[in-house]
Amino acid sequence: MINDVDGALAAMRSGNAKDAFAYLKSAHDASPLRDNALFALAHAARSVGDYKICLETIDTYIKTDPTNVDAVLIKADAFKGLGEARFAAGFYQAFLNMTQNMQPVPAHLHSEVARAQQESQNATNVYEEHLRENLRAAGFKDDDGRSRIGQAIDIMLGKKSIYPQNPGKFYFPELPHIQYYDTEQFDWVPEIVEQADVIREELLSVISADEIFDPYVQHAVNSPTATNMKLRLMDDEGWSAYHLYKDSDAQEDHMARCPKTLEILKAAPIPKIRTVSPSILYSKLTAGSHIPPHAGICNARILCHLPLIAPQGCWLRVGNQVREWTDGEMLIFDDTIEHEAKNPTDQTRVVLIFDIWRPELREDERMLVETIFNAVDTFQ
């Protein structure tokens, strides 16, 4: 028979949780336990499934020893036992965070870390399903995180990160954070998409004539190249381009081969920003090629991709959203948000890329952006 706290602790160590709990609970009711005895009561309560007593006692213990990683795990288990998946997930994650800072992790915690990872994921799944059930009841349809509320849910659940605008040269403040634009807000898009076949014919003519596609990233005598993306792709023909306009410079010989494309694009609000825009090109990504994460230079404009040769499976990630190029569907996005692309197929992918004014800018603001870049380029 157990007749003192030391005996109860010994019983716990030998696996006799039932008797240990009975004694420690009785002792605690008579005079509140403290320190190791209080911890032992919480431990025993967890073992016998009395999660109410477990939570009450471990919470009291943690107030005096908040960095005790074993106590945090017990509290997580107590919340799980009480059916409080949301709180359980928080304490399992806290336990995992604490063990990540341990070098090395104590041997007795190795299996507990694996268990906590699984419990954390289970609790998160239960919480997510509860949240989504309520949203569906309110009329929201899951949309793979494409809508604003869909993105908000994924970010809140930790499924996606937040990617800010990070232009390399010019930042226009107070513009909304939009990764992919809804193409329906641009009344000129259908006119261009409907003539994709005409644009594709000119592209195929360029290809059949063996016109040279230059590597998209090339050495420039007046521009630093020491960035990870530029160094990795310098003169790499896996990502190449046939420019009609390159950073506002007209490529006359190329333009002469693609007059219909240029005429069709007159429907779009293409900027004229010195050294920046127009930027109009056929962008080719060969089989297996990958464009690593990078960001554009100016958030006063945004990019449009019109797929012309789009093998199924080729994808573009902008911020936390991944979309595939599909014939007949234009993608419009903010390229100053981190983005990357990949062609995992055994075929070549080609899209027409052109830039447009950001729709939120007023006419006077657009004019002043042009003035700024003109002043920068004419400075000696």
Protein backbone atom coordinates (compact mmCIF):
# COMPACT_ATOMS: atom_id res chain seq x y z
CA MET A 1 0.00 0.00 0.00
CA ILE A 2 1.22 3.50 -0.82
CA ASN A 3 1.37 5.68 2.27
CA ASP A 4 3.55 8.66 1.28
CA VAL A 5 4.50 10.85 -1.69
CA ASP A 6 7.83 9.07 -2.18
CA GLY A 7 5.97 5.78 -2.41
CA ALA A 8 3.62 7.24 -4.99
CA LEU A 9 6.55 8.51 -7.05
CA ALA A 10 8.14 5.08 -6.86
CA ALA A 11 4.86 3.51 -7.98
CA MET A 12 4.75 5.89 -10.96
CA ARG A 13 8.25 4.88 -11.97
CA SER A 14 7.31 1.20 -11.77
CA GLY A 15 4.22 1.72 -13.93
CA ASN A 16 1.59 1.51 -11.18
CA ALA A 17 -0.18 4.72 -12.22
CA LYS A 18 -3.58 3.75 -10.86
CA ASP A 19 -2.46 3.39 -7.23
CA ALA A 20 -0.13 6.38 -7.52
CA PHE A 21 -2.96 8.54 -8.80
CA ALA A 22 -5.31 7.43 -6.03
CA TYR A 23 -2.79 8.32 -3.31
CA LEU A 24 -1.59 11.58 -4.87
CA LYS A 25 -5.14 12.76 -5.54
CA SER A 26 -6.10 12.05 -1.94
CA ALA A 27 -2.98 13.82 -0.66
CA HIS A 28 -3.64 16.81 -2.95
CA ASP A 29 -7.23 17.11 -1.74
CA ALA A 30 -6.00 17.17 1.85
CA SER A 31 -3.20 19.68 1.22
CA PRO A 32 -2.25 21.01 -2.23
CA LEU A 33 0.86 19.32 -3.58
CA ARG A 34 3.80 21.22 -4.99
CA ASP A 35 6.82 20.75 -7.25
CA ASN A 36 7.66 17.14 -8.18
CA ALA A 37 4.65 15.72 -6.34
CA LEU A 38 2.29 18.01 -8.25
CA PHE A 39 3.98 17.04 -11.52
CA ALA A 40 3.62 13.37 -10.60
CA LEU A 41 -0.11 13.83 -9.94
CA ALA A 42 -0.57 15.38 -13.39
CA HIS A 43 1.47 12.57 -14.94
CA ALA A 44 -0.60 9.93 -13.13
CA ALA A 45 -3.87 11.64 -14.04
CA ARG A 46 -2.88 11.52 -17.70
CA SER A 47 -2.03 7.83 -17.37
CA VAL A 48 -5.42 6.94 -15.91
CA GLY A 49 -7.34 9.24 -18.27
CA ASP A 50 -8.55 11.84 -15.77
CA TYR A 51 -7.78 14.76 -18.05
CA LYS A 52 -9.68 17.32 -15.99
CA ILE A 53 -7.42 16.73 -12.97
CA CYS A 54 -4.43 16.43 -15.30
CA LEU A 55 -5.05 19.86 -16.84
CA GLU A 56 -5.75 21.56 -13.51
CA THR A 57 -2.60 20.23 -11.86
CA ILE A 58 -0.18 20.59 -14.78
CA ASP A 59 -1.38 24.14 -15.37
CA THR A 60 -0.59 24.98 -11.74
CA TYR A 61 2.81 23.31 -12.06
CA ILE A 62 3.69 25.17 -15.27
CA LYS A 63 3.16 28.51 -13.54
CA THR A 64 6.24 27.74 -11.46
CA ASP A 65 8.26 25.98 -14.19
CA PRO A 66 7.10 27.23 -17.62
CA THR A 67 10.16 25.89 -19.45
CA ASN A 68 9.60 22.26 -18.43
CA VAL A 69 9.17 20.57 -21.79
CA ASP A 70 7.64 17.40 -20.31
CA ALA A 71 4.99 19.49 -18.55
CA VAL A 72 4.08 21.25 -21.80
CA LEU A 73 3.58 17.87 -23.46
CA ILE A 74 1.38 16.68 -20.60
CA LYS A 75 -0.74 19.81 -20.97
CA ALA A 76 -1.09 19.15 -24.70
CA ASP A 77 -2.24 15.59 -23.96
CA ALA A 78 -4.71 16.87 -21.37
CA PHE A 79 -6.33 19.22 -23.89
CA LYS A 80 -6.49 16.38 -26.42
CA GLY A 81 -8.15 14.12 -23.84
CA LEU A 82 -10.73 16.83 -23.13
CA GLY A 83 -11.53 17.15 -26.84
CA GLU A 84 -9.98 20.61 -27.13
CA ALA A 85 -8.20 20.06 -30.46
CA ARG A 86 -7.43 23.74 -31.04
CA PHE A 87 -5.63 24.20 -27.71
CA ALA A 88 -3.99 20.78 -27.98
CA ALA A 89 -2.47 21.76 -31.33
CA GLY A 90 -1.03 24.91 -29.79
CA PHE A 91 0.70 23.06 -26.94
CA TYR A 92 1.95 20.23 -29.15
CA GLN A 93 3.51 22.87 -31.37
CA ALA A 94 4.97 24.63 -28.33
CA PHE A 95 6.53 21.34 -27.24
CA LEU A 96 8.00 20.82 -30.70
CA ASN A 97 9.37 24.36 -30.76
CA MET A 98 11.03 23.82 -27.38
CA THR A 99 12.65 20.53 -28.40
CA GLN A 100 13.97 22.10 -31.63
CA ASN A 101 16.06 24.41 -29.46
CA MET A 102 17.60 21.51 -27.55
CA GLN A 103 21.02 20.32 -28.64
CA PRO A 104 20.88 17.41 -28.41
CA VAL A 105 17.30 16.33 -27.72
CA PRO A 106 17.26 14.06 -24.64
CA ALA A 107 16.90 10.39 -25.54
CA HIS A 108 13.67 9.95 -23.58
CA LEU A 109 12.02 12.61 -25.78
CA HIS A 110 12.84 11.10 -29.18
CA SER A 111 9.67 9.02 -29.41
CA GLU A 112 7.65 11.82 -27.81
CA VAL A 113 8.74 14.26 -30.51
CA ALA A 114 7.49 11.89 -33.20
CA ARG A 115 4.23 11.42 -31.31
CA ALA A 116 3.78 15.16 -30.82
CA GLN A 117 4.32 15.77 -34.53
CA GLN A 118 1.56 13.33 -35.36
CA GLU A 119 -0.75 14.63 -32.64
CA SER A 120 -0.14 18.20 -33.78
CA GLN A 121 -1.06 17.32 -37.34
CA ASN A 122 -4.14 15.39 -36.21
CA ALA A 123 -5.33 18.26 -34.04
CA THR A 124 -4.69 20.73 -36.83
CA ASN A 125 -6.71 18.58 -39.23
CA VAL A 126 -9.65 18.43 -36.83
CA TYR A 127 -9.51 22.20 -36.30
CA GLU A 128 -9.28 22.87 -40.04
CA GLU A 129 -12.25 20.64 -40.82
CA HIS A 130 -14.29 22.38 -38.12
CA LEU A 131 -13.40 25.76 -39.63
CA ARG A 132 -14.18 24.69 -43.17
CA GLU A 133 -17.49 23.11 -42.15
CA ASN A 134 -18.58 26.45 -40.74
CA LEU A 135 -17.47 28.27 -43.87
CA ARG A 136 -19.29 25.83 -46.15
CA ALA A 137 -22.42 26.28 -44.05
CA ALA A 138 -22.04 30.03 -44.61
CA GLY A 139 -21.93 29.49 -48.37
CA PHE A 140 -18.18 29.53 -49.03
CA LYS A 141 -16.94 27.03 -51.60
CA ASP A 142 -13.36 25.77 -51.36
CA ASP A 143 -11.35 27.37 -54.18
CA ASP A 144 -7.79 26.10 -53.65
CA GLY A 145 -6.82 29.39 -52.03
CA ARG A 146 -7.51 31.52 -55.10
CA SER A 147 -9.97 33.98 -53.59
CA ARG A 148 -9.00 36.50 -50.95
CA ILE A 149 -10.84 34.63 -48.22
CA GLY A 150 -9.35 31.35 -49.47
CA GLN A 151 -5.87 32.83 -49.16
CA ALA A 152 -6.67 34.20 -45.70
CA ILE A 153 -7.76 30.75 -44.50
CA ASP A 154 -4.62 29.05 -45.84
CA ILE A 155 -2.36 31.67 -44.27
CA MET A 156 -4.16 31.44 -40.93
CA LEU A 157 -3.78 27.64 -40.97
CA GLY A 158 -0.07 27.93 -41.73
CA LYS A 159 -0.47 26.32 -45.14
CA LYS A 160 0.85 29.36 -46.96
CA SER A 161 3.25 32.20 -46.25
CA ILE A 162 2.88 35.91 -46.97
CA TYR A 163 4.99 37.21 -49.85
CA PRO A 164 5.37 41.01 -50.01
CA GLN A 165 6.06 43.13 -53.05
CA ASN A 166 9.81 43.50 -53.34
CA PRO A 167 10.72 45.36 -56.54
CA GLY A 168 14.39 45.63 -57.37
CA LYS A 169 14.38 49.23 -58.64
CA PHE A 170 11.19 51.17 -57.95
CA TYR A 171 8.48 50.77 -55.33
CA PHE A 172 5.19 52.64 -55.65
CA PRO A 173 3.65 52.72 -52.14
CA GLU A 174 0.15 51.81 -51.02
CA LEU A 175 -0.74 49.51 -53.89
CA PRO A 176 -2.81 46.43 -53.01
CA HIS A 177 -1.12 43.09 -52.51
CA ILE A 178 -2.45 40.97 -55.39
CA GLN A 179 -0.61 37.88 -56.56
CA TYR A 180 -2.80 36.88 -59.51
CA TYR A 181 -5.33 39.34 -60.89
CA ASP A 182 -8.82 38.31 -61.91
CA THR A 183 -8.64 38.70 -65.68
CA GLU A 184 -12.36 39.50 -65.80
CA GLN A 185 -11.61 43.00 -64.51
CA PHE A 186 -9.75 43.80 -67.75
CA ASP A 187 -12.17 44.37 -70.62
CA TRP A 188 -9.41 44.03 -73.25
CA VAL A 189 -8.38 40.49 -72.27
CA PRO A 190 -11.02 38.62 -74.33
CA GLU A 191 -10.03 40.52 -77.46
CA ILE A 192 -6.41 39.35 -77.14
CA VAL A 193 -7.20 35.79 -76.00
CA GLU A 194 -9.58 35.32 -78.93
CA GLN A 195 -6.69 36.06 -81.30
CA ALA A 196 -4.21 33.73 -79.63
CA ASP A 197 -4.14 31.55 -82.75
CA VAL A 198 -2.96 34.50 -84.84
CA ILE A 199 -0.20 35.23 -82.33
CA ARG A 200 0.73 31.55 -82.24
CA GLU A 201 1.06 31.47 -86.04
CA GLU A 202 3.62 34.26 -85.92
CA LEU A 203 5.48 32.46 -83.13
CA LEU A 204 5.59 29.25 -85.19
CA SER A 205 6.84 31.23 -88.17
CA VAL A 206 9.68 32.58 -86.03
CA ILE A 207 10.51 29.08 -84.83
CA SER A 208 10.38 27.52 -88.31
CA ALA A 209 12.71 30.21 -89.64
CA ASP A 210 15.26 29.23 -86.99
CA GLU A 211 15.16 32.70 -85.50
CA ILE A 212 17.43 32.82 -82.47
CA PHE A 213 15.96 32.87 -78.97
CA ASP A 214 18.53 34.54 -76.72
CA PRO A 215 19.10 33.41 -73.13
CA TYR A 216 16.79 35.49 -70.97
CA VAL A 217 19.59 36.29 -68.51
CA GLN A 218 22.70 37.66 -70.18
CA HIS A 219 25.79 39.52 -69.06
CA ALA A 220 25.35 43.32 -69.23
CA VAL A 221 28.34 45.61 -68.93
CA ASN A 222 26.37 48.28 -67.04
CA SER A 223 24.36 46.03 -64.73
CA PRO A 224 25.47 43.98 -61.69
CA THR A 225 24.90 40.25 -62.09
CA ALA A 226 25.83 38.96 -58.63
CA THR A 227 22.39 37.70 -57.64
CA ASN A 228 21.62 34.03 -57.12
CA MET A 229 19.05 33.92 -59.89
CA LYS A 230 21.25 35.71 -62.43
CA LEU A 231 24.33 33.68 -61.61
CA ARG A 232 22.42 30.41 -61.92
CA LEU A 233 20.81 31.32 -65.26
CA MET A 234 23.54 33.41 -66.89
CA ASP A 235 23.51 32.53 -70.61
CA ASP A 236 21.35 29.46 -69.90
CA GLU A 237 19.39 28.56 -73.03
CA GLY A 238 16.86 26.61 -70.96
CA TRP A 239 15.04 29.92 -70.44
CA SER A 240 15.28 32.02 -73.58
CA ALA A 241 13.39 34.83 -75.25
CA TYR A 242 12.56 36.38 -78.60
CA HIS A 243 12.05 40.05 -77.77
CA LEU A 244 9.85 42.44 -79.69
CA TYR A 245 10.53 45.10 -77.08
CA LYS A 246 13.29 44.62 -74.55
CA ASP A 247 13.23 46.93 -71.53
CA SER A 248 11.54 49.63 -73.68
CA ASP A 249 13.94 49.20 -76.62
CA ALA A 250 12.26 48.24 -79.88
CA GLN A 251 13.80 45.21 -81.56
CA GLU A 252 13.06 46.30 -85.11
CA ASP A 253 14.04 43.09 -86.94
CA HIS A 254 11.93 40.96 -84.59
CA MET A 255 9.00 43.36 -84.71
CA ALA A 256 8.95 43.13 -88.48
CA ARG A 257 8.36 39.38 -88.23
CA CYS A 258 5.43 39.77 -85.80
CA PRO A 259 3.28 42.70 -86.98
CA LYS A 260 -0.05 41.02 -86.16
CA THR A 261 1.02 40.32 -82.60
CA LEU A 262 1.95 43.96 -82.06
CA GLU A 263 -1.30 45.13 -83.60
CA ILE A 264 -3.35 42.83 -81.35
CA LEU A 265 -1.51 44.04 -78.24
CA LYS A 266 -2.57 47.64 -78.92
CA ALA A 267 -5.73 46.73 -77.02
CA ALA A 268 -3.74 46.45 -73.78
CA PRO A 269 -2.63 49.42 -71.64
CA ILE A 270 1.09 48.84 -72.18
CA PRO A 271 3.31 51.43 -70.43
CA LYS A 272 6.11 53.43 -71.97
CA ILE A 273 8.61 53.63 -69.13
CA ARG A 274 12.17 54.28 -70.17
CA THR A 275 14.46 51.24 -69.55
CA VAL A 276 11.47 49.25 -68.25
CA SER A 277 8.53 49.04 -70.64
CA PRO A 278 7.28 47.99 -73.11
CA SER A 279 8.56 44.50 -72.44
CA ILE A 280 7.08 42.16 -75.07
CA LEU A 281 8.56 38.77 -75.82
CA TYR A 282 8.01 35.12 -76.56
CA SER A 283 9.41 33.30 -73.53
CA LYS A 284 10.61 29.74 -74.09
CA LEU A 285 11.21 27.23 -71.31
CA THR A 286 12.69 23.95 -72.50
CA ALA A 287 11.90 20.49 -71.14
CA GLY A 288 12.99 20.07 -67.52
CA SER A 289 14.01 23.72 -67.08
CA HIS A 290 13.37 25.64 -63.88
CA ILE A 291 13.34 29.39 -63.30
CA PRO A 292 14.31 29.85 -59.63
CA PRO A 293 12.53 32.27 -57.28
CA HIS A 294 13.05 35.93 -58.14
CA ALA A 295 11.20 39.27 -58.23
CA GLY A 296 10.74 42.02 -60.82
CA ILE A 297 11.99 45.59 -60.76
CA CYS A 298 8.96 47.90 -60.72
CA ASN A 299 5.53 47.46 -59.13
CA ALA A 300 3.95 50.24 -61.20
CA ARG A 301 3.40 47.64 -63.91
CA ILE A 302 2.27 44.01 -63.86
CA LEU A 303 2.92 41.10 -66.22
CA CYS A 304 0.63 39.19 -68.56
CA HIS A 305 1.28 35.64 -69.79
CA LEU A 306 -0.61 34.36 -72.82
CA PRO A 307 0.12 30.61 -73.26
CA LEU A 308 0.90 29.67 -76.87
CA ILE A 309 2.55 26.27 -76.45
CA ALA A 310 1.55 24.92 -73.05
CA PRO A 311 2.24 21.24 -72.28
CA GLN A 312 0.11 20.06 -69.38
CA GLY A 313 1.98 20.24 -66.08
CA CYS A 314 4.02 23.38 -66.64
CA TRP A 315 3.49 25.73 -63.71
CA LEU A 316 4.04 29.23 -62.39
CA ARG A 317 4.20 30.06 -58.68
CA VAL A 318 3.53 33.64 -57.65
CA GLY A 319 3.87 34.14 -53.90
CA ASN A 320 1.92 31.30 -52.30
CA GLN A 321 -0.19 30.33 -55.33
CA VAL A 322 0.73 27.83 -58.06
CA ARG A 323 -1.11 27.81 -61.38
CA GLU A 324 -0.59 25.98 -64.65
CA TRP A 325 -0.47 27.61 -68.05
CA THR A 326 -3.48 26.55 -70.10
CA ASP A 327 -4.20 27.38 -73.72
CA GLY A 328 -6.77 30.17 -73.92
CA GLU A 329 -6.31 31.35 -70.33
CA MET A 330 -4.25 34.46 -69.68
CA LEU A 331 -2.42 34.89 -66.38
CA ILE A 332 -1.90 38.40 -65.03
CA PHE A 333 0.27 38.79 -61.95
CA ASP A 334 2.50 41.07 -59.90
CA ASP A 335 6.03 40.03 -60.79
CA THR A 336 7.52 42.04 -57.89
CA ILE A 337 6.19 39.29 -55.63
CA GLU A 338 8.57 36.34 -55.49
CA HIS A 339 7.77 33.92 -58.31
CA GLU A 340 9.24 30.92 -60.06
CA ALA A 341 8.37 28.61 -62.93
CA LYS A 342 9.07 25.08 -64.06
CA ASN A 343 8.57 22.90 -67.10
CA PRO A 344 8.63 19.32 -65.77
CA THR A 345 7.54 17.86 -69.11
CA ASP A 346 9.53 16.54 -72.06
CA GLN A 347 8.25 19.29 -74.35
CA THR A 348 8.96 23.01 -74.79
CA ARG A 349 6.69 25.65 -73.26
CA VAL A 350 6.28 29.09 -74.88
CA VAL A 351 4.20 32.01 -73.59
CA LEU A 352 3.81 35.56 -74.86
CA ILE A 353 4.80 37.96 -72.08
CA PHE A 354 3.89 41.64 -72.03
CA ASP A 355 3.53 44.21 -69.28
CA ILE A 356 0.65 46.58 -68.56
CA TRP A 357 0.08 49.52 -66.27
CA ARG A 358 -1.03 48.56 -62.83
CA PRO A 359 -4.77 49.36 -62.92
CA GLU A 360 -4.77 51.13 -59.56
CA LEU A 361 -2.55 53.97 -60.82
CA ARG A 362 -4.16 57.24 -61.92
CA GLU A 363 -3.16 58.85 -65.21
CA ASP A 364 -1.18 61.58 -63.46
CA GLU A 365 0.66 58.96 -61.42
CA ARG A 366 1.54 57.03 -64.55
CA MET A 367 2.95 60.18 -66.14
CA LEU A 368 5.09 60.89 -63.09
CA VAL A 369 6.45 57.33 -63.05
CA GLU A 370 7.49 57.86 -66.67
CA THR A 371 9.14 61.14 -65.67
CA ILE A 372 11.06 59.52 -62.83
CA PHE A 373 12.54 56.79 -65.03
CA ASN A 374 13.33 59.26 -67.78
CA ALA A 375 15.24 61.41 -65.28
CA VAL A 376 17.11 58.38 -63.93
CA ASP A 377 18.12 57.21 -67.40
CA THR A 378 19.31 60.63 -68.57
CA PHE A 379 21.42 61.23 -65.47
CA GLN A 380 25.16 61.04 -66.26
